[in-house]
């Protein structure tokens, strides 16, 4: 159940994300939706990104291709995906759950803060050496 004061993230869980990661987000009270339940297998990333953008969702992925689609671009030069966030993992899947548990409070804090900004997209990279927030 979501704690008092915790903003609830809408997360699109990519096909390559282990269930344990999705389950952990859900246990924290976040709205978890699986790409596999919304789209046919192998749906191109730009299609997933377009729907995620319309929902103002955050894509959770191990897929580096989303880095090209969802990135921070100076205001006025952003061509697409103005409302889509990204949480990318740069580690093996077992380590991903461990790192998520370690950094979840920071991610949730960053998300709450991002909601106060004009460009509220949350773009995060989780890796063994730490978390990169942009």
Protein backbone atom coordinates (compact mmCIF):
# COMPACT_ATOMS: atom_id res chain seq x y z
CA UNK A 1 0.00 0.00 0.00
CA UNK A 2 1.25 3.50 -0.82
CA UNK A 3 2.53 5.47 2.13
CA UNK A 4 1.00 8.82 3.00
CA UNK A 5 2.61 11.53 0.88
CA UNK A 6 4.00 9.11 -1.69
CA UNK A 7 3.16 10.01 -5.28
CA UNK A 8 1.98 7.03 -7.29
CA UNK A 9 3.97 6.41 -10.47
CA UNK A 10 2.32 4.95 -13.57
CA UNK A 11 4.88 2.42 -14.81
CA UNK A 12 4.93 0.61 -18.16
CA UNK A 13 6.96 -2.53 -17.55
CA UNK A 14 8.83 -3.53 -20.72
CA UNK A 15 8.97 -7.16 -21.88
CA UNK A 16 12.57 -7.56 -20.73
CA UNK A 17 11.94 -6.57 -17.09
CA UNK A 18 11.84 -9.39 -14.53
CA UNK A 19 8.57 -9.89 -12.65
CA UNK A 20 10.43 -9.36 -9.36
CA UNK A 21 11.10 -5.72 -10.32
CA UNK A 22 7.46 -5.12 -11.28
CA UNK A 23 6.28 -6.81 -8.09
CA UNK A 24 8.52 -4.59 -6.00
CA UNK A 25 7.14 -1.42 -7.61
CA UNK A 26 3.59 -2.72 -7.05
CA UNK A 27 4.37 -3.49 -3.39
CA UNK A 28 5.28 0.19 -3.00
CA UNK A 29 1.82 1.21 -4.27
CA UNK A 30 2.74 2.18 -7.82
CA UNK A 31 0.45 1.53 -10.81
CA UNK A 32 2.21 -1.23 -12.75
CA UNK A 33 1.12 -2.07 -16.28
CA UNK A 34 2.86 -4.70 -18.36
CA UNK A 35 3.70 -4.01 -22.00
CA UNK A 36 3.01 -7.70 -22.67
CA UNK A 37 -0.61 -7.20 -21.53
CA UNK A 38 -1.14 -4.07 -23.65
CA UNK A 39 0.69 -4.90 -26.89
CA UNK A 40 1.52 -7.94 -29.03
CA UNK A 41 4.98 -9.45 -28.45
CA UNK A 42 7.68 -7.60 -30.37
CA UNK A 43 5.79 -4.30 -30.64
CA UNK A 44 8.32 -1.64 -31.72
CA UNK A 45 9.62 0.66 -28.98
CA UNK A 46 8.31 3.86 -30.67
CA UNK A 47 4.75 2.48 -30.49
CA UNK A 48 5.16 1.70 -26.78
CA UNK A 49 6.70 5.14 -26.23
CA UNK A 50 3.80 6.87 -28.00
CA UNK A 51 1.19 5.21 -25.79
CA UNK A 52 3.31 5.78 -22.70
CA UNK A 53 3.63 9.45 -23.62
CA UNK A 54 -0.15 9.78 -23.94
CA UNK A 55 -0.52 8.25 -20.47
CA UNK A 56 2.34 10.35 -18.95
CA UNK A 57 3.85 7.03 -17.88
CA UNK A 58 7.38 5.93 -17.02
CA UNK A 59 8.82 3.06 -19.07
CA UNK A 60 10.83 0.61 -16.96
CA UNK A 61 13.29 -1.24 -19.19
CA UNK A 62 16.59 -3.00 -19.68
CA UNK A 63 16.42 -1.97 -23.37
CA UNK A 64 19.01 0.67 -24.35
CA UNK A 65 16.93 1.68 -27.39
CA UNK A 66 14.61 3.63 -25.11
CA UNK A 67 17.54 5.91 -24.24
CA UNK A 68 17.43 7.21 -27.81
CA UNK A 69 13.66 7.73 -27.67
CA UNK A 70 13.30 9.24 -24.20
CA UNK A 71 16.01 11.71 -23.32
CA UNK A 72 16.37 15.17 -21.92
CA UNK A 73 16.50 17.71 -24.75
CA UNK A 74 16.59 21.50 -24.27
CA UNK A 75 13.17 23.15 -24.01
CA UNK A 76 11.87 24.13 -27.45
CA UNK A 77 13.86 21.42 -29.26
CA UNK A 78 11.90 18.47 -27.98
CA UNK A 79 10.18 16.83 -30.94
CA UNK A 80 8.36 13.99 -29.20
CA UNK A 81 7.63 12.17 -25.96
CA UNK A 82 7.19 15.25 -23.77
CA UNK A 83 5.39 13.36 -21.02
CA UNK A 84 7.12 9.96 -21.07
CA UNK A 85 9.65 9.09 -18.37
CA UNK A 86 12.21 6.29 -18.31
CA UNK A 87 13.83 4.09 -15.69
CA UNK A 88 16.65 2.12 -17.33
CA UNK A 89 18.72 -0.59 -15.73
CA UNK A 90 22.40 -1.12 -16.63
CA UNK A 91 23.04 -4.33 -14.73
CA UNK A 92 21.97 -7.95 -14.80
CA UNK A 93 18.39 -8.74 -13.87
CA UNK A 94 19.17 -10.25 -10.46
CA UNK A 95 21.18 -7.20 -9.46
CA UNK A 96 18.39 -4.94 -10.77
CA UNK A 97 15.94 -5.88 -8.03
CA UNK A 98 18.64 -5.42 -5.38
CA UNK A 99 19.59 -1.98 -6.72
CA UNK A 100 15.95 -0.94 -7.00
CA UNK A 101 15.39 -1.82 -3.35
CA UNK A 102 18.47 0.19 -2.41
CA UNK A 103 17.47 3.29 -4.40
CA UNK A 104 13.65 3.28 -4.30
CA UNK A 105 13.36 6.08 -1.73
CA UNK A 106 15.54 8.31 -3.90
CA UNK A 107 13.49 7.46 -7.01
CA UNK A 108 10.23 8.22 -5.27
CA UNK A 109 11.60 11.50 -3.92
CA UNK A 110 12.86 12.45 -7.38
CA UNK A 111 9.45 11.61 -8.85
CA UNK A 112 7.63 13.82 -6.34
CA UNK A 113 10.04 16.66 -7.12
CA UNK A 114 9.70 16.14 -10.88
CA UNK A 115 5.94 16.69 -10.62
CA UNK A 116 6.66 20.26 -9.50
CA UNK A 117 8.69 21.06 -12.63
CA UNK A 118 7.55 22.31 -16.04
CA UNK A 119 9.32 19.34 -17.65
CA UNK A 120 8.11 16.73 -15.19
CA UNK A 121 9.53 13.69 -16.96
CA UNK A 122 11.66 11.52 -14.74
CA UNK A 123 14.64 9.99 -16.50
CA UNK A 124 16.70 7.59 -14.40
CA UNK A 125 19.49 5.11 -15.04
CA UNK A 126 20.18 2.50 -12.36
CA UNK A 127 23.60 0.86 -12.45
CA UNK A 128 25.91 -0.92 -9.98
CA UNK A 129 27.88 2.29 -9.35
CA UNK A 130 24.76 4.27 -8.43
CA UNK A 131 21.82 6.14 -9.92
CA UNK A 132 21.91 8.80 -12.62
CA UNK A 133 18.99 11.25 -12.39
CA UNK A 134 18.19 13.75 -15.14
